Each structure stands twice: as structure tokens, then as C-alpha cells.
Amino acid sequence: MAPKRANARDATPSAPPQTGASSTTASTTSSAAPTTAAAPRLHKGTTSPPTWDQVVGNIVNRYLETTPQRTKLIDVFMAFLVVVGALQFLYCILAGNYPFNAFLSGFAATVGQFVLTASLRLQTTEANKSDFPAVSPERAFADYIVCSLILHFFCVNFIN
């Protein structure tokens, strides 16, 4: 039995004190649980976790096998927009931004087109059909074209 506390400060209600035996068993059981729970997560029966090369390879293989050609084309266009936006920003840093309206307009066009393309990708992906039940792929593409024309109209007018 634990000795009684004589101090009034210690007499306030608090968490019950743990004995050394119960705290060590709690720590050993809690530390043993994650290692046994992590064992089934290993990669296809191997005894070591997968390397980064295996993880990236599996992601790329699954993307190439399961993604439709139309979605891959949209993804390539989105990657192109990222590269164009990065090049514009790099040019602005290295060469200066004398016609600042031109830089803002070009950069806004790439960012806006990326956002519109991401929206088109979301609306036309088969996995998202339940989220957009009333939107056909043809309507999504028509909306994309109209919004792209409006975006570029404003960007061209912003240049002066």
C-alpha cells in the first residue's frame, strides 16, 4: 500500500498514482502493439518494408494500367501548364518584369487554365460520376471551352 500524503497540496483530487509494475506493463503492452499491428502491412509477404523505388513504380504502373487515355491527355496538359507557369515566373525573376501587366496576364492565364482543366478532369473521371450525376462529358467540355474563352478574353484585355 502506498504511504499517505501529509501535504495539503497533494490531497487535491488527481489521477490515481500508478505503481511501478502497472506502468511498465502498460508501456510494454503499448510498445508491443504497434510492431505486431505493422507486420501485416508489409509488401506482398516480404520481411522488409518496400523501398521508395517499389512504391513509386507501383503507383506509376497502376496509373498507366487503370487511367483512361482521355484522362492521361488532360494530365499531360496540366503538367504542360505547370511548366509554362514555372518558366514565366523564372523569367520574371531573372530578366525582370518591366511590362508587369504582361507577366500578370500570362501567369493568370496559365493558373486559370490549370484550374479549369482540373475541374474538367474532376467532372469527366468515371470514379466521380456519383458526384456529378447531371453533367455529361460533352457538357463539361462545353463549359470548359466557354470558361476558357472568357478567361483568355480578360487576360488579353488586361495586357492593354
N, C-alpha and C. Protein backbone atom coordinates (compact mmCIF):
# COMPACT_ATOMS: atom_id res chain seq x y z
N MET A 1 0.85 -1.17 0.00
CA MET A 1 0.00 0.00 0.00
C MET A 1 0.89 1.23 0.00
N ALA A 2 0.50 2.26 -0.74
CA ALA A 2 1.29 3.46 -0.85
C ALA A 2 1.17 4.27 0.43
N PRO A 3 2.23 5.00 0.82
CA PRO A 3 2.17 5.82 2.03
C PRO A 3 1.22 6.98 1.82
N LYS A 4 0.59 7.43 2.92
CA LYS A 4 -0.35 8.55 2.86
C LYS A 4 0.41 9.84 2.72
N ARG A 5 -0.22 10.77 2.00
CA ARG A 5 0.41 12.06 1.78
C ARG A 5 0.04 12.98 2.92
N ALA A 6 1.03 13.71 3.42
CA ALA A 6 0.79 14.61 4.54
C ALA A 6 0.55 16.03 4.06
N ASN A 7 0.88 16.33 2.87
CA ASN A 7 0.80 17.68 2.34
C ASN A 7 -0.61 17.97 1.84
N ALA A 8 -1.15 19.16 2.13
CA ALA A 8 -2.50 19.54 1.71
C ALA A 8 -2.56 19.71 0.19
N ARG A 9 -1.45 20.16 -0.39
CA ARG A 9 -1.41 20.36 -1.84
C ARG A 9 -1.58 19.02 -2.55
N ASP A 10 -1.01 17.97 -2.00
CA ASP A 10 -1.11 16.65 -2.61
C ASP A 10 -2.46 16.01 -2.37
N ALA A 11 -3.25 16.57 -1.47
CA ALA A 11 -4.54 15.97 -1.15
C ALA A 11 -5.62 16.31 -2.18
N THR A 12 -5.32 17.21 -3.11
CA THR A 12 -6.31 17.54 -4.13
C THR A 12 -6.53 16.34 -5.03
N PRO A 13 -7.76 16.20 -5.53
CA PRO A 13 -8.02 15.03 -6.37
C PRO A 13 -7.22 15.13 -7.66
N SER A 14 -6.63 14.05 -8.04
CA SER A 14 -5.86 13.98 -9.27
C SER A 14 -5.94 12.56 -9.78
N ALA A 15 -5.20 12.28 -10.81
CA ALA A 15 -5.19 10.94 -11.37
C ALA A 15 -4.60 9.99 -10.35
N PRO A 16 -5.14 8.79 -10.26
CA PRO A 16 -4.62 7.85 -9.27
C PRO A 16 -3.18 7.51 -9.57
N PRO A 17 -2.37 7.40 -8.52
CA PRO A 17 -0.96 7.10 -8.75
C PRO A 17 -0.80 5.68 -9.29
N GLN A 18 0.17 5.53 -10.18
CA GLN A 18 0.43 4.22 -10.74
C GLN A 18 1.63 3.62 -10.04
N THR A 19 1.53 2.37 -9.82
CA THR A 19 2.69 1.69 -9.25
C THR A 19 3.65 1.36 -10.36
N GLY A 20 4.84 1.05 -10.00
CA GLY A 20 5.87 0.77 -10.99
C GLY A 20 5.53 -0.42 -11.86
N ALA A 21 4.91 -1.44 -11.31
CA ALA A 21 4.61 -2.64 -12.08
C ALA A 21 3.54 -2.38 -13.13
N SER A 22 2.50 -1.64 -12.76
CA SER A 22 1.44 -1.41 -13.73
C SER A 22 1.89 -0.48 -14.85
N SER A 23 2.76 0.49 -14.54
CA SER A 23 3.21 1.39 -15.60
C SER A 23 4.15 0.69 -16.56
N THR A 24 4.96 -0.23 -16.08
CA THR A 24 5.85 -0.93 -17.01
C THR A 24 5.08 -1.91 -17.87
N THR A 25 4.05 -2.55 -17.33
CA THR A 25 3.27 -3.45 -18.18
C THR A 25 2.48 -2.65 -19.20
N ALA A 26 2.00 -1.47 -18.82
CA ALA A 26 1.28 -0.66 -19.79
C ALA A 26 2.21 -0.19 -20.89
N SER A 27 3.43 0.16 -20.54
CA SER A 27 4.34 0.63 -21.57
C SER A 27 4.81 -0.51 -22.45
N THR A 28 4.99 -1.70 -21.88
CA THR A 28 5.42 -2.81 -22.71
C THR A 28 4.29 -3.29 -23.62
N THR A 29 3.07 -3.28 -23.13
CA THR A 29 1.98 -3.71 -24.00
C THR A 29 1.70 -2.67 -25.07
N SER A 30 1.83 -1.38 -24.74
CA SER A 30 1.58 -0.37 -25.76
C SER A 30 2.69 -0.33 -26.79
N SER A 31 3.92 -0.63 -26.38
CA SER A 31 5.00 -0.61 -27.35
C SER A 31 5.00 -1.86 -28.20
N ALA A 32 4.46 -2.97 -27.68
CA ALA A 32 4.43 -4.19 -28.46
C ALA A 32 3.30 -4.16 -29.49
N ALA A 33 2.25 -3.43 -29.23
CA ALA A 33 1.10 -3.42 -30.12
C ALA A 33 1.42 -2.86 -31.51
N PRO A 34 2.13 -1.73 -31.63
CA PRO A 34 2.37 -1.21 -32.97
C PRO A 34 3.24 -2.13 -33.81
N THR A 35 4.19 -2.82 -33.22
CA THR A 35 5.05 -3.67 -34.03
C THR A 35 4.28 -4.87 -34.56
N THR A 36 3.37 -5.44 -33.77
CA THR A 36 2.60 -6.56 -34.27
C THR A 36 1.53 -6.09 -35.25
N ALA A 37 1.01 -4.88 -35.07
CA ALA A 37 0.00 -4.37 -35.99
C ALA A 37 0.62 -3.99 -37.33
N ALA A 38 1.89 -3.60 -37.34
CA ALA A 38 2.54 -3.18 -38.58
C ALA A 38 2.97 -4.38 -39.42
N ALA A 39 3.04 -5.56 -38.85
CA ALA A 39 3.53 -6.72 -39.57
C ALA A 39 2.67 -7.07 -40.78
N PRO A 40 1.33 -7.05 -40.71
CA PRO A 40 0.56 -7.39 -41.91
C PRO A 40 0.65 -6.35 -43.02
N ARG A 41 1.16 -5.18 -42.75
CA ARG A 41 1.23 -4.12 -43.76
C ARG A 41 2.45 -4.27 -44.66
N LEU A 42 3.28 -5.23 -44.46
CA LEU A 42 4.46 -5.38 -45.29
C LEU A 42 4.08 -5.73 -46.72
N HIS A 43 5.00 -5.49 -47.63
CA HIS A 43 4.74 -5.57 -49.06
C HIS A 43 4.77 -7.02 -49.55
N LYS A 44 3.63 -7.58 -49.89
CA LYS A 44 3.48 -8.88 -50.54
C LYS A 44 4.29 -9.98 -49.90
N GLY A 45 4.21 -10.10 -48.58
CA GLY A 45 4.83 -11.22 -47.89
C GLY A 45 6.32 -11.08 -47.64
N THR A 46 6.92 -9.97 -47.98
CA THR A 46 8.34 -9.81 -47.71
C THR A 46 8.53 -9.46 -46.25
N THR A 47 9.73 -9.63 -45.77
CA THR A 47 10.00 -9.35 -44.37
C THR A 47 10.49 -7.92 -44.15
N SER A 48 10.77 -7.20 -45.21
CA SER A 48 11.22 -5.82 -45.06
C SER A 48 10.22 -4.90 -45.75
N PRO A 49 10.11 -3.66 -45.29
CA PRO A 49 9.17 -2.73 -45.93
C PRO A 49 9.64 -2.40 -47.35
N PRO A 50 8.69 -2.01 -48.21
CA PRO A 50 9.07 -1.70 -49.60
C PRO A 50 9.93 -0.44 -49.68
N THR A 51 10.78 -0.41 -50.69
CA THR A 51 11.63 0.77 -50.90
C THR A 51 10.84 1.82 -51.66
N TRP A 52 11.39 3.03 -51.73
CA TRP A 52 10.72 4.12 -52.44
C TRP A 52 10.59 3.79 -53.92
N ASP A 53 11.59 3.11 -54.48
CA ASP A 53 11.51 2.74 -55.89
C ASP A 53 10.32 1.82 -56.16
N GLN A 54 10.08 0.88 -55.25
CA GLN A 54 8.94 -0.03 -55.42
C GLN A 54 7.62 0.72 -55.29
N VAL A 55 7.55 1.63 -54.33
CA VAL A 55 6.31 2.38 -54.12
C VAL A 55 6.00 3.25 -55.34
N VAL A 56 6.98 3.99 -55.82
CA VAL A 56 6.76 4.86 -56.98
C VAL A 56 6.47 4.02 -58.22
N GLY A 57 7.17 2.90 -58.36
CA GLY A 57 6.92 2.02 -59.50
C GLY A 57 5.51 1.46 -59.49
N ASN A 58 5.02 1.08 -58.31
CA ASN A 58 3.65 0.57 -58.21
C ASN A 58 2.63 1.65 -58.53
N ILE A 59 2.87 2.88 -58.07
CA ILE A 59 1.95 3.99 -58.36
C ILE A 59 1.91 4.27 -59.87
N VAL A 60 3.08 4.33 -60.49
CA VAL A 60 3.14 4.61 -61.93
C VAL A 60 2.49 3.49 -62.73
N ASN A 61 2.78 2.23 -62.37
CA ASN A 61 2.18 1.11 -63.09
C ASN A 61 0.66 1.10 -62.97
N ARG A 62 0.17 1.36 -61.77
CA ARG A 62 -1.29 1.37 -61.58
C ARG A 62 -1.92 2.53 -62.36
N TYR A 63 -1.26 3.70 -62.36
CA TYR A 63 -1.78 4.85 -63.12
C TYR A 63 -1.83 4.51 -64.61
N LEU A 64 -0.76 3.93 -65.14
CA LEU A 64 -0.72 3.62 -66.57
C LEU A 64 -1.72 2.54 -66.95
N GLU A 65 -1.99 1.59 -66.06
CA GLU A 65 -2.90 0.50 -66.39
C GLU A 65 -4.37 0.87 -66.24
N THR A 66 -4.70 1.69 -65.25
CA THR A 66 -6.11 1.91 -64.93
C THR A 66 -6.66 3.25 -65.42
N THR A 67 -5.83 4.20 -65.78
CA THR A 67 -6.32 5.52 -66.16
C THR A 67 -6.68 5.54 -67.65
N PRO A 68 -7.87 6.03 -67.99
CA PRO A 68 -8.25 6.12 -69.41
C PRO A 68 -7.35 7.11 -70.17
N GLN A 69 -7.29 6.92 -71.49
CA GLN A 69 -6.43 7.74 -72.34
C GLN A 69 -6.84 9.22 -72.29
N ARG A 70 -8.12 9.50 -72.20
CA ARG A 70 -8.60 10.88 -72.15
C ARG A 70 -8.10 11.59 -70.90
N THR A 71 -8.12 10.89 -69.77
CA THR A 71 -7.65 11.48 -68.51
C THR A 71 -6.14 11.68 -68.54
N LYS A 72 -5.42 10.76 -69.17
CA LYS A 72 -3.96 10.93 -69.31
C LYS A 72 -3.63 12.16 -70.15
N LEU A 73 -4.42 12.39 -71.19
CA LEU A 73 -4.21 13.58 -72.03
C LEU A 73 -4.45 14.86 -71.24
N ILE A 74 -5.48 14.87 -70.41
CA ILE A 74 -5.74 16.03 -69.55
C ILE A 74 -4.59 16.23 -68.57
N ASP A 75 -4.07 15.14 -68.01
CA ASP A 75 -2.95 15.24 -67.07
C ASP A 75 -1.69 15.79 -67.72
N VAL A 76 -1.44 15.38 -68.97
CA VAL A 76 -0.27 15.90 -69.69
C VAL A 76 -0.42 17.40 -69.93
N PHE A 77 -1.63 17.84 -70.29
CA PHE A 77 -1.86 19.26 -70.50
C PHE A 77 -1.68 20.04 -69.20
N MET A 78 -2.12 19.47 -68.08
CA MET A 78 -1.94 20.13 -66.79
C MET A 78 -0.46 20.23 -66.43
N ALA A 79 0.31 19.19 -66.72
CA ALA A 79 1.76 19.25 -66.48
C ALA A 79 2.41 20.32 -67.36
N PHE A 80 1.95 20.43 -68.61
CA PHE A 80 2.45 21.48 -69.51
C PHE A 80 2.16 22.87 -68.95
N LEU A 81 0.96 23.07 -68.39
CA LEU A 81 0.62 24.36 -67.81
C LEU A 81 1.49 24.68 -66.60
N VAL A 82 1.82 23.68 -65.81
CA VAL A 82 2.71 23.90 -64.66
C VAL A 82 4.09 24.32 -65.14
N VAL A 83 4.60 23.67 -66.18
CA VAL A 83 5.92 24.01 -66.72
C VAL A 83 5.91 25.43 -67.29
N VAL A 84 4.87 25.78 -68.03
CA VAL A 84 4.79 27.13 -68.62
C VAL A 84 4.72 28.18 -67.52
N GLY A 85 3.91 27.95 -66.49
CA GLY A 85 3.83 28.90 -65.38
C GLY A 85 5.15 29.04 -64.64
N ALA A 86 5.86 27.93 -64.44
CA ALA A 86 7.16 27.99 -63.77
C ALA A 86 8.18 28.75 -64.63
N LEU A 87 8.16 28.53 -65.94
CA LEU A 87 9.07 29.26 -66.83
C LEU A 87 8.77 30.75 -66.83
N GLN A 88 7.50 31.12 -66.83
CA GLN A 88 7.16 32.54 -66.78
C GLN A 88 7.64 33.17 -65.48
N PHE A 89 7.44 32.48 -64.39
CA PHE A 89 7.88 33.01 -63.09
C PHE A 89 9.39 33.12 -63.04
N LEU A 90 10.09 32.11 -63.56
CA LEU A 90 11.56 32.15 -63.58
C LEU A 90 12.06 33.29 -64.46
N TYR A 91 11.43 33.50 -65.61
CA TYR A 91 11.80 34.60 -66.48
C TYR A 91 11.59 35.94 -65.78
N CYS A 92 10.51 36.06 -65.04
CA CYS A 92 10.22 37.30 -64.32
C CYS A 92 11.29 37.57 -63.27
N ILE A 93 11.76 36.52 -62.62
CA ILE A 93 12.80 36.69 -61.59
C ILE A 93 14.14 37.04 -62.23
N LEU A 94 14.51 36.35 -63.31
CA LEU A 94 15.84 36.53 -63.90
C LEU A 94 15.93 37.76 -64.80
N ALA A 95 14.96 38.00 -65.64
CA ALA A 95 15.05 39.07 -66.62
C ALA A 95 14.33 40.34 -66.20
N GLY A 96 13.54 40.28 -65.18
CA GLY A 96 12.80 41.45 -64.75
C GLY A 96 11.37 41.39 -65.24
N ASN A 97 10.59 42.30 -64.71
CA ASN A 97 9.16 42.28 -65.05
C ASN A 97 8.71 43.65 -65.54
N TYR A 98 9.44 44.18 -66.53
CA TYR A 98 9.12 45.53 -66.99
C TYR A 98 7.67 45.67 -67.42
N PRO A 99 7.20 44.89 -68.39
CA PRO A 99 5.75 45.02 -68.62
C PRO A 99 5.02 44.11 -67.63
N PHE A 100 4.82 44.64 -66.43
CA PHE A 100 4.28 43.82 -65.35
C PHE A 100 2.88 43.31 -65.67
N ASN A 101 2.11 44.11 -66.42
CA ASN A 101 0.78 43.65 -66.81
C ASN A 101 0.86 42.40 -67.68
N ALA A 102 1.88 42.34 -68.54
CA ALA A 102 2.03 41.17 -69.41
C ALA A 102 2.36 39.93 -68.58
N PHE A 103 3.25 40.09 -67.59
CA PHE A 103 3.57 38.95 -66.74
C PHE A 103 2.34 38.50 -65.96
N LEU A 104 1.62 39.43 -65.34
CA LEU A 104 0.43 39.07 -64.58
C LEU A 104 -0.62 38.41 -65.45
N SER A 105 -0.80 38.91 -66.64
CA SER A 105 -1.79 38.35 -67.54
C SER A 105 -1.41 36.93 -67.97
N GLY A 106 -0.16 36.73 -68.35
CA GLY A 106 0.29 35.41 -68.77
C GLY A 106 0.26 34.40 -67.64
N PHE A 107 0.70 34.81 -66.46
CA PHE A 107 0.71 33.91 -65.32
C PHE A 107 -0.72 33.59 -64.88
N ALA A 108 -1.61 34.59 -64.90
CA ALA A 108 -3.01 34.35 -64.55
C ALA A 108 -3.67 33.43 -65.56
N ALA A 109 -3.27 33.54 -66.83
CA ALA A 109 -3.84 32.66 -67.85
C ALA A 109 -3.43 31.21 -67.60
N THR A 110 -2.19 30.97 -67.24
CA THR A 110 -1.75 29.59 -67.01
C THR A 110 -2.39 29.03 -65.74
N VAL A 111 -2.45 29.82 -64.69
CA VAL A 111 -3.05 29.34 -63.44
C VAL A 111 -4.55 29.12 -63.63
N GLY A 112 -5.22 30.05 -64.28
CA GLY A 112 -6.65 29.91 -64.53
C GLY A 112 -6.96 28.72 -65.42
N GLN A 113 -6.14 28.52 -66.45
CA GLN A 113 -6.36 27.37 -67.33
C GLN A 113 -6.11 26.06 -66.60
N PHE A 114 -5.14 26.04 -65.68
CA PHE A 114 -4.89 24.85 -64.87
C PHE A 114 -6.11 24.54 -64.00
N VAL A 115 -6.68 25.55 -63.38
CA VAL A 115 -7.86 25.35 -62.53
C VAL A 115 -9.05 24.85 -63.36
N LEU A 116 -9.25 25.44 -64.52
CA LEU A 116 -10.35 24.99 -65.37
C LEU A 116 -10.13 23.56 -65.85
N THR A 117 -8.89 23.20 -66.16
CA THR A 117 -8.59 21.84 -66.61
C THR A 117 -8.76 20.85 -65.47
N ALA A 118 -8.38 21.24 -64.26
CA ALA A 118 -8.60 20.35 -63.10
C ALA A 118 -10.09 20.12 -62.89
N SER A 119 -10.89 21.14 -63.09
CA SER A 119 -12.34 20.99 -62.97
C SER A 119 -12.88 20.06 -64.05
N LEU A 120 -12.37 20.19 -65.27
CA LEU A 120 -12.78 19.28 -66.34
C LEU A 120 -12.40 17.84 -66.01
N ARG A 121 -11.21 17.66 -65.47
CA ARG A 121 -10.76 16.31 -65.11
C ARG A 121 -11.65 15.70 -64.02
N LEU A 122 -12.03 16.51 -63.04
CA LEU A 122 -12.91 16.01 -61.99
C LEU A 122 -14.27 15.62 -62.54
N GLN A 123 -14.80 16.41 -63.45
CA GLN A 123 -16.15 16.15 -63.96
C GLN A 123 -16.20 14.99 -64.94
N THR A 124 -15.09 14.68 -65.61
CA THR A 124 -15.12 13.63 -66.63
C THR A 124 -14.55 12.31 -66.15
N THR A 125 -14.00 12.23 -64.96
CA THR A 125 -13.46 10.98 -64.45
C THR A 125 -14.61 10.05 -64.06
N GLU A 126 -14.50 8.79 -64.44
CA GLU A 126 -15.56 7.81 -64.18
C GLU A 126 -15.79 7.60 -62.68
N ALA A 127 -14.75 7.69 -61.88
CA ALA A 127 -14.89 7.47 -60.44
C ALA A 127 -15.72 8.56 -59.77
N ASN A 128 -15.85 9.73 -60.41
CA ASN A 128 -16.60 10.85 -59.83
C ASN A 128 -18.00 11.00 -60.42
N LYS A 129 -18.49 10.00 -61.11
CA LYS A 129 -19.82 10.10 -61.71
C LYS A 129 -20.91 10.33 -60.66
N SER A 130 -20.74 9.78 -59.47
CA SER A 130 -21.77 9.96 -58.43
C SER A 130 -21.78 11.40 -57.91
N ASP A 131 -20.66 12.11 -58.01
CA ASP A 131 -20.60 13.49 -57.55
C ASP A 131 -21.22 14.47 -58.55
N PHE A 132 -21.18 14.11 -59.84
CA PHE A 132 -21.72 14.97 -60.89
C PHE A 132 -22.70 14.16 -61.75
N PRO A 133 -23.86 13.81 -61.19
CA PRO A 133 -24.76 12.93 -61.96
C PRO A 133 -25.42 13.61 -63.16
N ALA A 134 -25.62 14.91 -63.10
CA ALA A 134 -26.33 15.60 -64.18
C ALA A 134 -25.40 16.17 -65.25
N VAL A 135 -24.09 16.00 -65.10
CA VAL A 135 -23.14 16.60 -66.03
C VAL A 135 -22.57 15.51 -66.93
N SER A 136 -22.87 15.61 -68.22
CA SER A 136 -22.29 14.68 -69.19
C SER A 136 -20.89 15.16 -69.57
N PRO A 137 -20.05 14.27 -70.10
CA PRO A 137 -18.71 14.71 -70.53
C PRO A 137 -18.77 15.79 -71.60
N GLU A 138 -19.77 15.74 -72.47
CA GLU A 138 -19.89 16.76 -73.51
C GLU A 138 -20.23 18.12 -72.92
N ARG A 139 -21.12 18.13 -71.93
CA ARG A 139 -21.46 19.40 -71.29
C ARG A 139 -20.27 19.94 -70.50
N ALA A 140 -19.54 19.07 -69.81
CA ALA A 140 -18.36 19.51 -69.06
C ALA A 140 -17.33 20.13 -70.00
N PHE A 141 -17.15 19.52 -71.19
CA PHE A 141 -16.19 20.08 -72.14
C PHE A 141 -16.68 21.40 -72.72
N ALA A 142 -17.98 21.52 -72.96
CA ALA A 142 -18.53 22.79 -73.46
C ALA A 142 -18.36 23.89 -72.42
N ASP A 143 -18.62 23.57 -71.16
CA ASP A 143 -18.39 24.55 -70.09
C ASP A 143 -16.92 24.96 -70.02
N TYR A 144 -16.05 23.99 -70.21
CA TYR A 144 -14.60 24.25 -70.19
C TYR A 144 -14.21 25.21 -71.30
N ILE A 145 -14.73 24.99 -72.49
CA ILE A 145 -14.40 25.86 -73.63
C ILE A 145 -14.92 27.28 -73.39
N VAL A 146 -16.15 27.41 -72.94
CA VAL A 146 -16.73 28.74 -72.72
C VAL A 146 -15.95 29.48 -71.63
N CYS A 147 -15.65 28.82 -70.53
CA CYS A 147 -14.90 29.47 -69.45
C CYS A 147 -13.48 29.80 -69.88
N SER A 148 -12.87 28.97 -70.72
CA SER A 148 -11.52 29.27 -71.22
C SER A 148 -11.54 30.51 -72.11
N LEU A 149 -12.56 30.63 -72.95
CA LEU A 149 -12.67 31.83 -73.79
C LEU A 149 -12.84 33.08 -72.94
N ILE A 150 -13.66 33.03 -71.92
CA ILE A 150 -13.85 34.17 -71.03
C ILE A 150 -12.56 34.51 -70.31
N LEU A 151 -11.86 33.50 -69.81
CA LEU A 151 -10.58 33.72 -69.13
C LEU A 151 -9.57 34.41 -70.04
N HIS A 152 -9.42 33.92 -71.25
CA HIS A 152 -8.43 34.50 -72.16
C HIS A 152 -8.86 35.87 -72.67
N PHE A 153 -10.14 36.12 -72.78
CA PHE A 153 -10.62 37.46 -73.13
C PHE A 153 -10.17 38.47 -72.08
N PHE A 154 -10.36 38.12 -70.80
CA PHE A 154 -9.94 39.04 -69.74
C PHE A 154 -8.42 39.18 -69.68
N CYS A 155 -7.69 38.10 -69.92
CA CYS A 155 -6.22 38.19 -69.89
C CYS A 155 -5.68 39.06 -71.02
N VAL A 156 -6.25 38.92 -72.21
CA VAL A 156 -5.80 39.75 -73.34
C VAL A 156 -6.15 41.21 -73.08
N ASN A 157 -7.31 41.49 -72.52
CA ASN A 157 -7.68 42.88 -72.23
C ASN A 157 -6.85 43.47 -71.10
N PHE A 158 -6.36 42.65 -70.20
CA PHE A 158 -5.55 43.14 -69.10
C PHE A 158 -4.16 43.58 -69.55
N ILE A 159 -3.67 43.00 -70.64
CA ILE A 159 -2.34 43.37 -71.15
C ILE A 159 -2.31 44.82 -71.59
N ASN A 160 -3.37 45.33 -72.15
CA ASN A 160 -3.52 46.68 -72.71
C ASN A 160 -3.09 46.70 -74.13
